[in-house]
Amino acid sequence: MKYKLIPVLCAICLLVQEAIAQIAIIPHPLKYELGKEKLILRDQIGVVGDVVFESSLGYLRKLMLSRFGISTYTSPERDAKIIVKHDSKLENETYRLRINQTHIEVSTSGHPGFVNALSSLDQLLAIAERKNGTFILPTVEIEDKPQFAWRGVMLDESRHFFGKEKVRSLLDWMAFYKLNKFHWHLTDEPAWRLSIQKYPWLTQVGGIGNYLDPYAPVQYYSQADISEIIGYAAERNIEVIPEIDMPGHATAANRAYPFLTGGGNEKHPDFTFHPAKNTTYTFLTDVLREVKSLFPSVYIHLGGDEVAFGSDAWDNDPKVEELKKTIALKSNKEVEEYFIRRMADSVARIYGKIIVWDEMVDAKLAKDQTVMMWWRHDKPEQLNKILDKGYQTILTPRLPMYFDFVQQENHKYGRKWGKGFNFLQDVYNFAGSQLDSLGKRKKQVLGIQANLWTETVTNVNRLDYLVFPRIAALAEAAWVPGADRNFDEFTRKLEKHLSLYRDQGLYYFDPFKDSNPEPAVIKKSQKQYIDNPK
């Protein structure tokens, strides 16, 4: 009997593989049913949607034309090839996508769900069979929603600046993979990249240099640039969260306005803002007001990490000693926490909330106004503290969520943690069944995020090589619960996506061949990046 079953099982496997080939959507949809028929789309199609989707349809039209050369026009529903319907019963990012022999129907409650549906349609069209200028799509019904509300990517542009074109490209790929939070690290030691009208020297002086060359020409984003990118992201259901680092990682700002400096050490000069001068808090409050007026997000990331790299200078500062005595602060760590509390109050007064790194877990910050990012994978006790104290958290540990870490053991450039690195499958498996051990505290996990620090990322080829294809694994980990993931299926779909990267001119890492060499990077020793945790 068992031998008779073998042909049946083989036939089932072939059907499954055929379905995966036709529905190579990443991240994997929650539910889908593949039909036997086909839909043919020509280079001109009618589109109609409920009035609430008027602006969303504008995004659809631009994407269809730019990506596939398909022009669209408004038509009666009976003649439309794409019909968008409002369904208020569906959750925020949930969508239904139905493709039959005559048309495509999208049902969702708003723009976020519409973008997610369009991302799935985008992927189906990108891999579709093409014949005589037409696209041949499989008939399918998809019902889909994400595991996590926060599906993030962080880009550090203080250390190396990439500019609007690359940021827009990254946002496009985030939308393609249904990632919805862009954490933008704009200030740090090497340079300040965000124009602040009240303090122009932040960019005119602080914007000079990068990680390798302190005299590199000034580069930064104007406020018009910021507004343009925020609008571009919002169209793609991506929230942009700025990071203005404090009280450490402040060197560029202190270079521009020396009265702000609280000192540092030989390796990290002028690393901290001065925690005992009211002028520091006035200055930074002014900055944050401008930041809040530019960025619609309720969140501003204040950093709060690695302050000990420079705070030893406070031990010899009379003003800091006076501050400690006046308000009974016992250590420099307590001074750090005091600093963040004051700045959190400033953000609260402009109706914002803060995000901080896990070093601030003991700072007595308001739980309803604070989100904490757990980044130190070697300190799980910090995550437990965050959850036990009742804070919401975003999981972004170095291993496996730092994309500046190498992807393969034999890679020579970039970072490792000892012998640890961030292989594609480790990214894919993150935040799966292991979250079940959190019990009720799992509800405090907003989502996950990958971070790209750019000490070793000097050009766009290097950026692409580190991001692709790990961004696809990140997307599936953020969208799909662990029990529903299948790495073998994912890799079969990923092979089709690699051809899309190639068509778009990305210099990506091929995990199936590893035949493409790493782009040239700086020749400094790896030990430098291992010793510096961030």
Protein backbone atom coordinates (compact mmCIF):
# COMPACT_ATOMS: atom_id res chain seq x y z
CA MET A 1 0.00 0.00 0.00
CA LYS A 2 2.78 2.45 0.89
CA TYR A 3 4.27 2.13 -2.63
CA LYS A 4 0.90 3.02 -4.18
CA LEU A 5 0.89 6.23 -2.15
CA ILE A 6 4.22 7.43 -3.55
CA PRO A 7 2.84 8.64 -6.93
CA VAL A 8 -0.01 10.37 -5.12
CA LEU A 9 2.37 12.15 -2.76
CA CYS A 10 4.61 13.15 -5.66
CA ALA A 11 1.62 14.58 -7.50
CA ILE A 12 0.59 16.56 -4.42
CA CYS A 13 4.16 17.91 -4.06
CA LEU A 14 4.15 19.00 -7.70
CA LEU A 15 0.82 20.79 -7.23
CA VAL A 16 2.14 22.57 -4.12
CA GLN A 17 5.30 23.64 -5.92
CA GLU A 18 3.24 24.87 -8.88
CA ALA A 19 1.08 26.94 -6.53
CA ILE A 20 4.17 28.40 -4.86
CA ALA A 21 5.59 29.24 -8.27
CA GLN A 22 2.43 31.10 -9.25
CA ILE A 23 1.80 32.72 -5.83
CA ALA A 24 5.40 33.66 -4.99
CA ILE A 25 4.24 36.34 -2.58
CA ILE A 26 6.59 37.38 0.23
CA PRO A 27 5.53 37.59 3.00
CA HIS A 28 3.39 34.45 2.71
CA PRO A 29 -0.37 35.25 2.79
CA LEU A 30 -2.39 34.05 5.76
CA LYS A 31 -4.85 32.21 3.48
CA TYR A 32 -5.07 31.71 -0.25
CA GLU A 33 -6.88 29.45 -2.69
CA LEU A 34 -5.56 29.06 -6.21
CA GLY A 35 -7.99 28.64 -9.08
CA LYS A 36 -7.53 26.88 -12.40
CA GLU A 37 -8.40 29.79 -14.71
CA LYS A 38 -6.42 32.84 -15.80
CA LEU A 39 -6.96 36.59 -16.06
CA ILE A 40 -5.40 38.49 -18.95
CA LEU A 41 -4.45 42.14 -18.37
CA ARG A 42 -3.63 44.38 -21.31
CA ASP A 43 -1.70 47.66 -21.34
CA GLN A 44 -4.83 49.75 -20.68
CA ILE A 45 -7.31 48.85 -17.96
CA GLY A 46 -10.31 50.40 -16.26
CA VAL A 47 -10.17 51.09 -12.52
CA VAL A 48 -12.93 52.05 -10.10
CA GLY A 49 -13.04 52.42 -6.32
CA ASP A 50 -15.15 53.72 -3.47
CA VAL A 51 -14.69 57.43 -2.81
CA VAL A 52 -12.56 56.83 0.33
CA PHE A 53 -9.85 55.39 -1.93
CA GLU A 54 -9.50 58.39 -4.23
CA SER A 55 -5.89 59.15 -3.20
CA SER A 56 -5.03 55.44 -2.99
CA LEU A 57 -6.07 54.96 -6.61
CA GLY A 58 -3.61 57.68 -7.58
CA TYR A 59 -0.83 55.58 -6.10
CA LEU A 60 -2.12 52.51 -7.93
CA ARG A 61 -2.12 54.36 -11.26
CA LYS A 62 1.44 55.59 -10.82
CA LEU A 63 2.71 52.18 -9.79
CA MET A 64 0.98 50.30 -12.63
CA LEU A 65 2.38 52.69 -15.21
CA SER A 66 5.92 53.00 -13.86
CA ARG A 67 6.40 49.33 -13.01
CA PHE A 68 4.50 47.57 -15.77
CA GLY A 69 3.65 50.10 -18.46
CA ILE A 70 -0.07 49.63 -17.77
CA SER A 71 -2.11 52.80 -18.11
CA THR A 72 -5.36 53.09 -16.20
CA TYR A 73 -8.57 55.05 -16.62
CA THR A 74 -11.71 55.50 -14.55
CA SER A 75 -14.48 53.25 -15.80
CA PRO A 76 -17.90 51.95 -14.78
CA GLU A 77 -17.65 48.97 -12.44
CA ARG A 78 -19.02 46.59 -15.05
CA ASP A 79 -16.05 47.35 -17.33
CA ALA A 80 -13.33 47.73 -14.68
CA LYS A 81 -10.43 45.32 -14.41
CA ILE A 82 -9.58 46.53 -10.89
CA ILE A 83 -12.37 47.24 -8.38
CA VAL A 84 -11.56 48.59 -4.90
CA LYS A 85 -14.24 48.22 -2.23
CA HIS A 86 -14.48 49.65 1.26
CA ASP A 87 -15.18 47.12 4.03
CA SER A 88 -15.26 48.78 7.44
CA LYS A 89 -15.42 45.39 9.20
CA LEU A 90 -11.85 44.54 8.22
CA GLU A 91 -9.00 45.43 10.60
CA ASN A 92 -6.59 48.24 9.75
CA GLU A 93 -4.06 46.40 7.55
CA THR A 94 -6.20 43.42 6.59
CA TYR A 95 -7.18 42.92 2.96
CA ARG A 96 -8.92 40.53 0.59
CA LEU A 97 -7.65 40.14 -2.95
CA ARG A 98 -9.74 38.21 -5.47
CA ILE A 99 -8.64 37.59 -9.03
CA ASN A 100 -11.10 35.86 -11.34
CA GLN A 101 -11.35 35.52 -15.12
CA THR A 102 -12.84 38.99 -15.58
CA HIS A 103 -11.38 41.34 -12.97
CA ILE A 104 -9.40 41.97 -9.76
CA GLU A 105 -11.28 42.92 -6.60
CA VAL A 106 -9.69 44.45 -3.50
CA SER A 107 -11.60 44.79 -0.23
CA THR A 108 -10.15 46.65 2.74
CA SER A 109 -11.01 49.24 5.38
CA GLY A 110 -8.52 51.92 4.38
CA HIS A 111 -5.27 52.95 2.76
CA PRO A 112 -2.97 50.64 4.78
CA GLY A 113 -4.87 47.52 3.75
CA PHE A 114 -5.09 48.79 0.17
CA VAL A 115 -1.29 49.20 -0.01
CA ASN A 116 -0.82 45.68 1.33
CA ALA A 117 -3.21 44.30 -1.30
CA LEU A 118 -1.45 46.28 -4.00
CA SER A 119 1.91 44.91 -2.83
CA SER A 120 0.62 41.37 -3.34
CA LEU A 121 -0.73 42.31 -6.78
CA ASP A 122 2.59 44.01 -7.59
CA GLN A 123 4.45 40.78 -6.83
CA LEU A 124 2.02 38.67 -8.85
CA LEU A 125 2.46 40.97 -11.85
CA ALA A 126 6.24 41.05 -11.43
CA ILE A 127 6.50 37.27 -11.84
CA ALA A 128 3.53 36.84 -14.19
CA GLU A 129 3.74 35.12 -17.56
CA ARG A 130 3.82 37.73 -20.34
CA LYS A 131 2.57 37.14 -23.86
CA ASN A 132 2.12 39.62 -26.72
CA GLY A 133 2.21 42.60 -24.36
CA THR A 134 -0.27 41.10 -21.88
CA PHE A 135 0.07 39.85 -18.31
CA ILE A 136 -1.41 36.43 -17.53
CA LEU A 137 -2.37 36.16 -13.86
CA PRO A 138 -3.58 33.09 -11.96
CA THR A 139 -7.06 33.25 -10.48
CA VAL A 140 -6.75 33.31 -6.71
CA GLU A 141 -8.50 34.40 -3.51
CA ILE A 142 -6.29 35.81 -0.75
CA GLU A 143 -7.21 36.83 2.81
CA ASP A 144 -4.31 38.35 4.66
CA LYS A 145 -3.23 40.33 7.72
CA PRO A 146 0.06 40.89 9.58
CA GLN A 147 1.34 39.29 12.75
CA PHE A 148 2.90 42.55 13.99
CA ALA A 149 1.83 46.18 13.62
CA TRP A 150 5.49 47.31 13.66
CA ARG A 151 7.56 45.95 10.76
CA GLY A 152 10.58 48.19 10.63
CA VAL A 153 13.83 49.08 8.92
CA MET A 154 16.38 51.53 10.35
CA LEU A 155 18.90 53.38 8.17
CA ASP A 156 21.86 55.24 9.69
CA GLU A 157 22.71 58.25 7.51
CA SER A 158 24.92 60.07 9.99
CA ARG A 159 27.91 57.82 9.33
CA HIS A 160 27.38 57.73 5.57
CA PHE A 161 24.83 59.74 3.60
CA PHE A 162 22.89 58.13 0.73
CA GLY A 163 20.40 60.78 -0.34
CA LYS A 164 16.79 61.00 -1.49
CA GLU A 165 17.03 58.69 -4.49
CA LYS A 166 18.33 55.77 -2.43
CA VAL A 167 15.91 56.43 0.41
CA ARG A 168 12.99 56.41 -2.05
CA SER A 169 14.28 53.15 -3.52
CA LEU A 170 14.46 51.59 -0.04
CA LEU A 171 10.92 52.80 0.70
CA ASP A 172 9.72 51.21 -2.54
CA TRP A 173 11.15 47.85 -1.54
CA MET A 174 9.75 48.19 1.98
CA ALA A 175 6.29 48.69 0.50
CA PHE A 176 6.87 45.76 -1.88
CA TYR A 177 7.42 43.57 1.20
CA LYS A 178 4.71 45.20 3.38
CA LEU A 179 7.19 46.75 5.82
CA ASN A 180 5.67 49.85 7.37
CA LYS A 181 8.10 51.67 9.72
CA PHE A 182 11.16 53.58 8.53
CA HIS A 183 13.38 54.53 11.48
CA TRP A 184 15.71 57.26 10.25
CA HIS A 185 18.95 57.72 12.22
CA LEU A 186 19.84 61.30 11.27
CA THR A 187 22.23 62.50 13.99
CA ASP A 188 25.30 60.97 15.62
CA GLU A 189 29.06 61.47 15.99
CA PRO A 190 30.09 61.90 12.33
CA ALA A 191 27.38 64.28 11.10
CA TRP A 192 24.00 65.94 11.63
CA ARG A 193 21.78 65.37 8.57
CA LEU A 194 18.53 67.24 9.31
CA SER A 195 18.02 70.96 8.66
CA ILE A 196 16.79 72.89 11.70
CA GLN A 197 15.87 76.46 10.77
CA LYS A 198 16.47 77.93 14.22
CA TYR A 199 19.97 76.45 14.39
CA PRO A 200 21.43 76.42 10.86
CA TRP A 201 24.96 75.50 11.95
CA LEU A 202 23.71 72.02 12.88
CA THR A 203 23.90 71.21 9.18
CA GLN A 204 26.26 73.88 7.87
CA VAL A 205 28.95 72.78 10.34
CA GLY A 206 27.59 69.55 11.78
CA GLY A 207 26.72 68.22 8.32
CA ILE A 208 30.37 68.19 7.24
CA GLY A 209 32.12 64.83 7.20
CA ASN A 210 31.28 61.15 7.44
CA TYR A 211 32.59 58.13 9.30
CA LEU A 212 35.76 57.88 7.22
CA ASP A 213 36.42 61.48 6.26
CA PRO A 214 35.78 64.28 8.77
CA TYR A 215 36.20 66.85 5.98
CA ALA A 216 33.80 65.35 3.42
CA PRO A 217 31.55 68.04 1.88
CA VAL A 218 28.42 68.94 3.80
CA GLN A 219 25.44 66.65 3.15
CA TYR A 220 22.02 66.83 4.76
CA TYR A 221 18.28 66.84 4.12
CA SER A 222 16.49 70.17 3.80
CA GLN A 223 13.06 70.49 5.35
CA ALA A 224 11.58 70.38 1.85
CA ASP A 225 13.44 67.08 1.27
CA ILE A 226 12.02 65.71 4.51
CA SER A 227 8.45 66.66 3.57
CA GLU A 228 8.88 65.08 0.15
CA ILE A 229 10.16 61.80 1.58
CA ILE A 230 7.47 61.67 4.28
CA GLY A 231 4.79 62.11 1.61
CA TYR A 232 6.40 59.44 -0.54
CA ALA A 233 6.49 57.06 2.43
CA ALA A 234 2.91 57.79 3.52
CA GLU A 235 1.65 56.92 0.05
CA ARG A 236 3.27 53.51 0.61
CA ASN A 237 1.83 53.02 4.13
CA ILE A 238 5.20 53.71 5.74
CA GLU A 239 5.57 55.84 8.87
CA VAL A 240 8.87 57.73 9.16
CA ILE A 241 10.28 57.93 12.68
CA PRO A 242 13.22 60.34 13.20
CA GLU A 243 16.00 59.68 15.68
CA ILE A 244 17.70 62.65 17.35
CA ASP A 245 20.35 60.99 19.50
CA MET A 246 20.89 62.18 23.09
CA PRO A 247 22.51 62.61 25.55
CA GLY A 248 25.37 60.70 23.86
CA HIS A 249 26.27 60.38 20.17
CA ALA A 250 26.09 64.18 20.13
CA THR A 251 29.49 65.03 18.63
CA ALA A 252 28.26 66.63 15.39
CA ALA A 253 25.85 68.93 17.23
CA ASN A 254 28.56 69.89 19.73
CA ARG A 255 30.93 70.67 16.87
CA ALA A 256 28.36 73.09 15.49
CA TYR A 257 27.43 74.65 18.87
CA PRO A 258 30.31 74.07 21.33
CA PHE A 259 28.40 75.49 24.31
CA LEU A 260 26.28 72.30 24.25
CA THR A 261 29.13 69.88 24.93
CA GLY A 262 29.32 67.83 28.08
CA GLY A 263 32.63 66.29 27.08
CA GLY A 264 33.80 62.86 26.05
CA ASN A 265 37.01 60.89 25.91
CA GLU A 266 39.97 60.51 23.56
CA LYS A 267 38.19 58.04 21.27
CA HIS A 268 34.85 59.86 21.43
CA PRO A 269 35.52 63.61 21.92
CA ASP A 270 32.58 65.89 22.74
CA PHE A 271 30.40 62.79 22.79
CA THR A 272 27.70 64.02 25.19
CA PHE A 273 25.41 66.99 25.54
CA HIS A 274 25.93 68.87 28.79
CA PRO A 275 23.36 67.54 31.28
CA ALA A 276 23.60 70.36 33.82
CA LYS A 277 22.98 73.45 31.67
CA ASN A 278 19.47 74.73 31.10
CA THR A 279 20.65 76.06 27.74
CA THR A 280 21.11 72.44 26.60
CA TYR A 281 17.49 71.56 27.34
CA THR A 282 16.19 74.79 25.78
CA PHE A 283 18.22 74.15 22.64
CA LEU A 284 17.11 70.53 22.27
CA THR A 285 13.48 71.36 23.03
CA ASP A 286 13.57 73.91 20.19
CA VAL A 287 15.06 71.25 17.91
CA LEU A 288 12.41 68.69 18.85
CA ARG A 289 9.61 71.18 18.23
CA GLU A 290 10.84 71.63 14.67
CA VAL A 291 11.27 67.89 14.27
CA LYS A 292 7.70 67.28 15.47
CA SER A 293 6.39 69.89 13.04
CA LEU A 294 8.14 68.09 10.17
CA PHE A 295 7.34 64.47 11.02
CA PRO A 296 3.68 63.44 11.41
CA SER A 297 4.65 60.37 13.46
CA VAL A 298 3.68 60.52 17.12
CA TYR A 299 7.12 59.07 17.89
CA ILE A 300 10.54 60.69 18.19
CA HIS A 301 13.44 58.36 18.94
CA LEU A 302 15.74 59.92 21.54
CA GLY A 303 18.42 57.24 21.63
CA GLY A 304 19.69 57.11 25.21
CA ASP A 305 22.36 54.49 24.49
CA GLU A 306 26.09 54.12 25.07
CA VAL A 307 26.37 57.36 27.03
CA ALA A 308 29.18 55.82 29.08
CA PHE A 309 31.43 56.21 26.02
CA GLY A 310 31.78 59.87 27.01
CA SER A 311 30.19 60.55 30.39
CA ASP A 312 33.36 60.02 32.44
CA ALA A 313 34.06 63.68 31.66
CA TRP A 314 31.12 64.57 33.89
CA ASP A 315 33.09 63.43 36.94
CA ASN A 316 35.33 66.48 36.59
CA ASP A 317 32.59 68.98 35.75
CA PRO A 318 31.55 71.26 38.65
CA LYS A 319 28.13 71.92 37.15
CA VAL A 320 27.38 68.21 36.91
CA GLU A 321 28.57 67.67 40.48
CA GLU A 322 26.28 70.49 41.60
CA LEU A 323 23.37 68.90 39.69
CA LYS A 324 23.98 65.56 41.40
CA LYS A 325 23.90 67.18 44.82
CA THR A 326 20.87 69.38 44.10
CA ILE A 327 18.56 66.59 43.01
CA ALA A 328 20.26 63.64 44.73
CA LEU A 329 21.64 61.80 41.70
CA LYS A 330 24.10 59.13 42.80
CA SER A 331 25.87 58.33 39.55
CA ASN A 332 26.43 59.36 35.94
CA LYS A 333 23.89 56.71 34.96
CA GLU A 334 21.26 58.49 37.02
CA VAL A 335 22.27 61.76 35.32
CA GLU A 336 21.65 60.11 31.93
CA GLU A 337 18.20 59.01 33.06
CA TYR A 338 17.42 62.47 34.43
CA PHE A 339 18.38 63.93 31.05
CA ILE A 340 16.07 61.59 29.15
CA ARG A 341 13.18 62.25 31.55
CA ARG A 342 13.47 66.00 30.96
CA MET A 343 13.52 65.55 27.20
CA ALA A 344 10.63 63.07 27.38
CA ASP A 345 8.65 65.80 29.15
CA SER A 346 9.48 68.19 26.30
CA VAL A 347 8.20 65.65 23.76
CA ALA A 348 5.03 65.04 25.79
CA ARG A 349 4.31 68.78 25.78
CA ILE A 350 4.22 68.72 21.98
CA TYR A 351 1.88 65.70 22.03
CA GLY A 352 4.51 63.16 21.13
CA LYS A 353 5.83 59.90 22.52
CA ILE A 354 9.41 58.74 22.73
CA ILE A 355 11.32 55.64 21.70
CA VAL A 356 14.56 54.80 23.50
CA TRP A 357 17.12 52.00 23.46
CA ASP A 358 17.04 49.39 26.23
CA GLU A 359 19.64 51.22 28.40
CA MET A 360 16.80 53.45 29.60
CA VAL A 361 14.72 50.68 31.16
CA ASP A 362 15.39 51.98 34.70
CA ALA A 363 14.85 55.67 33.91
CA LYS A 364 11.31 55.80 35.36
CA LEU A 365 9.81 56.95 32.06
CA ALA A 366 6.03 57.07 31.67
CA LYS A 367 4.80 53.72 30.34
CA ASP A 368 2.06 55.27 28.21
CA GLN A 369 4.51 57.70 26.60
CA THR A 370 7.48 55.40 25.97
CA VAL A 371 8.43 52.49 23.69
CA MET A 372 11.72 50.67 24.29
CA MET A 373 13.85 48.97 21.65
CA TRP A 374 15.66 45.87 22.85
CA TRP A 375 18.92 45.72 20.90
CA ARG A 376 21.45 43.96 23.15
CA HIS A 377 20.94 40.31 22.28
CA ASP A 378 23.54 39.34 24.90
CA LYS A 379 21.43 40.99 27.63
CA PRO A 380 18.07 39.18 27.62
CA GLU A 381 17.55 40.45 31.14
CA GLN A 382 16.97 43.90 29.63
CA LEU A 383 14.05 42.58 27.60
CA ASN A 384 12.61 40.91 30.67
CA LYS A 385 12.92 44.17 32.59
CA ILE A 386 11.19 46.09 29.81
CA LEU A 387 8.28 43.67 29.81
CA ASP A 388 8.06 43.26 33.58
CA LYS A 389 7.88 47.04 33.99
CA GLY A 390 4.98 47.17 31.52
CA TYR A 391 6.58 48.95 28.56
CA GLN A 392 5.77 48.24 24.94
CA THR A 393 8.80 47.05 23.03
CA ILE A 394 10.23 46.57 19.56
CA LEU A 395 12.62 43.66 19.11
CA THR A 396 15.77 44.61 17.21
CA PRO A 397 18.63 42.54 18.68
CA ARG A 398 22.07 42.61 17.05
CA LEU A 399 21.75 38.90 16.37
CA PRO A 400 19.95 38.47 14.01
CA MET A 401 18.53 41.95 13.29
CA TYR A 402 21.63 44.04 12.52
CA PHE A 403 22.02 44.02 8.76
CA ASP A 404 25.56 45.44 8.89
CA PHE A 405 26.60 42.07 10.30
CA VAL A 406 27.89 39.69 7.62
CA GLN A 407 25.60 37.11 6.04
CA GLN A 408 28.02 34.22 5.76
CA GLU A 409 30.93 32.96 7.83
CA ASN A 410 33.53 33.43 5.07
CA HIS A 411 32.62 37.06 4.38
CA LYS A 412 35.56 39.29 5.21
CA TYR A 413 34.05 42.73 5.64
CA GLY A 414 31.51 44.10 8.05
CA ARG A 415 30.80 42.95 11.57
CA LYS A 416 30.54 39.74 13.56
CA TRP A 417 29.76 39.14 17.21
CA GLY A 418 32.60 36.84 18.09
CA LYS A 419 31.88 34.18 15.50
CA GLY A 420 28.22 35.14 15.23
CA PHE A 421 26.73 36.61 12.07
CA ASN A 422 23.26 37.13 10.62
CA PHE A 423 22.47 34.40 8.13
CA LEU A 424 19.29 34.60 6.02
CA GLN A 425 17.60 31.73 7.85
CA ASP A 426 18.31 33.27 11.26
CA VAL A 427 16.51 36.43 10.18
CA TYR A 428 13.65 34.33 8.79
CA ASN A 429 13.21 32.34 12.00
CA PHE A 430 13.30 35.35 14.35
CA ALA A 431 10.30 36.14 16.56
CA GLY A 432 8.66 32.80 15.90
CA SER A 433 7.69 30.16 18.44
CA GLN A 434 10.22 31.52 20.96
CA LEU A 435 7.83 34.41 21.65
CA ASP A 436 5.34 31.95 23.14
CA SER A 437 7.55 31.79 26.23
CA LEU A 438 6.62 35.41 26.96
CA GLY A 439 3.05 34.39 27.81
CA LYS A 440 0.74 37.36 28.33
CA ARG A 441 3.70 39.72 27.95
CA LYS A 442 3.77 38.90 24.22
CA LYS A 443 1.05 41.55 23.79
CA GLN A 444 3.62 44.21 24.72
CA VAL A 445 5.73 43.35 21.66
CA LEU A 446 4.77 45.86 18.97
CA GLY A 447 6.91 44.14 16.36
CA ILE A 448 10.42 43.70 14.99
CA GLN A 449 12.95 45.81 13.15
CA ALA A 450 16.22 45.39 11.26
CA ASN A 451 18.91 48.04 11.68
CA LEU A 452 21.58 49.03 9.17
CA TRP A 453 24.43 50.90 10.84
CA THR A 454 26.78 52.28 8.23
CA GLU A 455 30.34 52.32 9.56
CA THR A 456 31.18 49.73 6.88
CA VAL A 457 28.58 50.87 4.33
CA THR A 458 30.30 53.42 2.13
CA ASN A 459 28.27 53.13 -1.09
CA VAL A 460 24.90 51.98 -2.44
CA ASN A 461 26.27 48.66 -3.71
CA ARG A 462 27.37 47.77 -0.20
CA LEU A 463 23.99 48.87 1.17
CA ASP A 464 22.11 46.69 -1.31
CA TYR A 465 24.39 43.72 -0.70
CA LEU A 466 23.63 43.80 3.03
CA VAL A 467 19.90 44.46 2.71
CA PHE A 468 18.93 42.10 -0.12
CA PRO A 469 17.64 39.40 0.24
CA ARG A 470 17.53 39.65 4.05
CA ILE A 471 14.79 42.27 3.76
CA ALA A 472 12.52 39.54 2.35
CA ALA A 473 13.26 37.26 5.32
CA LEU A 474 12.60 40.18 7.67
CA ALA A 475 9.25 40.80 5.99
CA GLU A 476 8.12 37.22 6.44
CA ALA A 477 9.27 37.12 10.07
CA ALA A 478 7.35 40.33 10.79
CA TRP A 479 4.18 39.32 8.95
CA VAL A 480 3.81 35.55 9.44
CA PRO A 481 3.45 33.78 12.83
CA GLY A 482 6.25 31.29 13.45
CA ALA A 483 4.04 28.19 13.20
CA ASP A 484 2.97 29.18 9.68
CA ARG A 485 6.48 29.72 8.27
CA ASN A 486 8.25 27.27 6.01
CA PHE A 487 11.81 28.14 5.08
CA ASP A 488 11.95 25.68 2.17
CA GLU A 489 8.87 27.28 0.60
CA PHE A 490 10.34 30.72 1.25
CA THR A 491 13.57 29.89 -0.54
CA ARG A 492 11.68 28.57 -3.58
CA LYS A 493 9.83 31.89 -3.79
CA LEU A 494 12.98 33.86 -3.09
CA GLU A 495 14.70 32.49 -6.18
CA LYS A 496 12.08 34.29 -8.29
CA HIS A 497 12.62 37.48 -6.32
CA LEU A 498 16.36 37.45 -6.97
CA SER A 499 15.61 37.93 -10.66
CA LEU A 500 13.59 41.03 -9.71
CA TYR A 501 16.59 42.41 -7.83
CA ARG A 502 18.75 41.78 -10.87
CA ASP A 503 16.24 43.50 -13.17
CA GLN A 504 16.23 46.54 -10.87
CA GLY A 505 20.03 46.79 -10.88
CA LEU A 506 20.55 45.87 -7.22
CA TYR A 507 23.91 44.46 -6.18
CA TYR A 508 22.43 41.73 -3.99
CA PHE A 509 23.85 38.74 -2.13
CA ASP A 510 22.88 35.41 -3.71
CA PRO A 511 22.50 32.87 -0.89
CA PHE A 512 22.13 30.03 -3.41
CA LYS A 513 25.44 30.68 -5.17
CA ASP A 514 27.48 33.21 -3.19
CA SER A 515 29.33 33.84 -6.43
CA ASN A 516 29.14 37.62 -6.35
CA PRO A 517 32.02 39.16 -4.38
CA GLU A 518 31.45 41.62 -1.58
CA PRO A 519 31.69 45.23 -2.77
CA ALA A 520 34.87 46.98 -1.75
CA VAL A 521 34.65 48.47 1.71
CA ILE A 522 37.02 50.18 4.12
CA LYS A 523 40.14 48.31 5.12
CA LYS A 524 39.91 48.81 8.87
CA SER A 525 40.07 45.76 11.10
CA GLN A 526 36.88 43.95 12.05
CA LYS A 527 37.88 44.18 15.69
CA GLN A 528 36.94 47.85 15.67
CA TYR A 529 33.32 46.97 14.93
CA ILE A 530 33.21 44.05 17.35
CA ASP A 531 34.46 46.22 20.21
CA ASN A 532 31.97 48.99 19.47
CA PRO A 533 28.60 47.36 20.24
CA LYS A 534 26.48 49.72 18.15
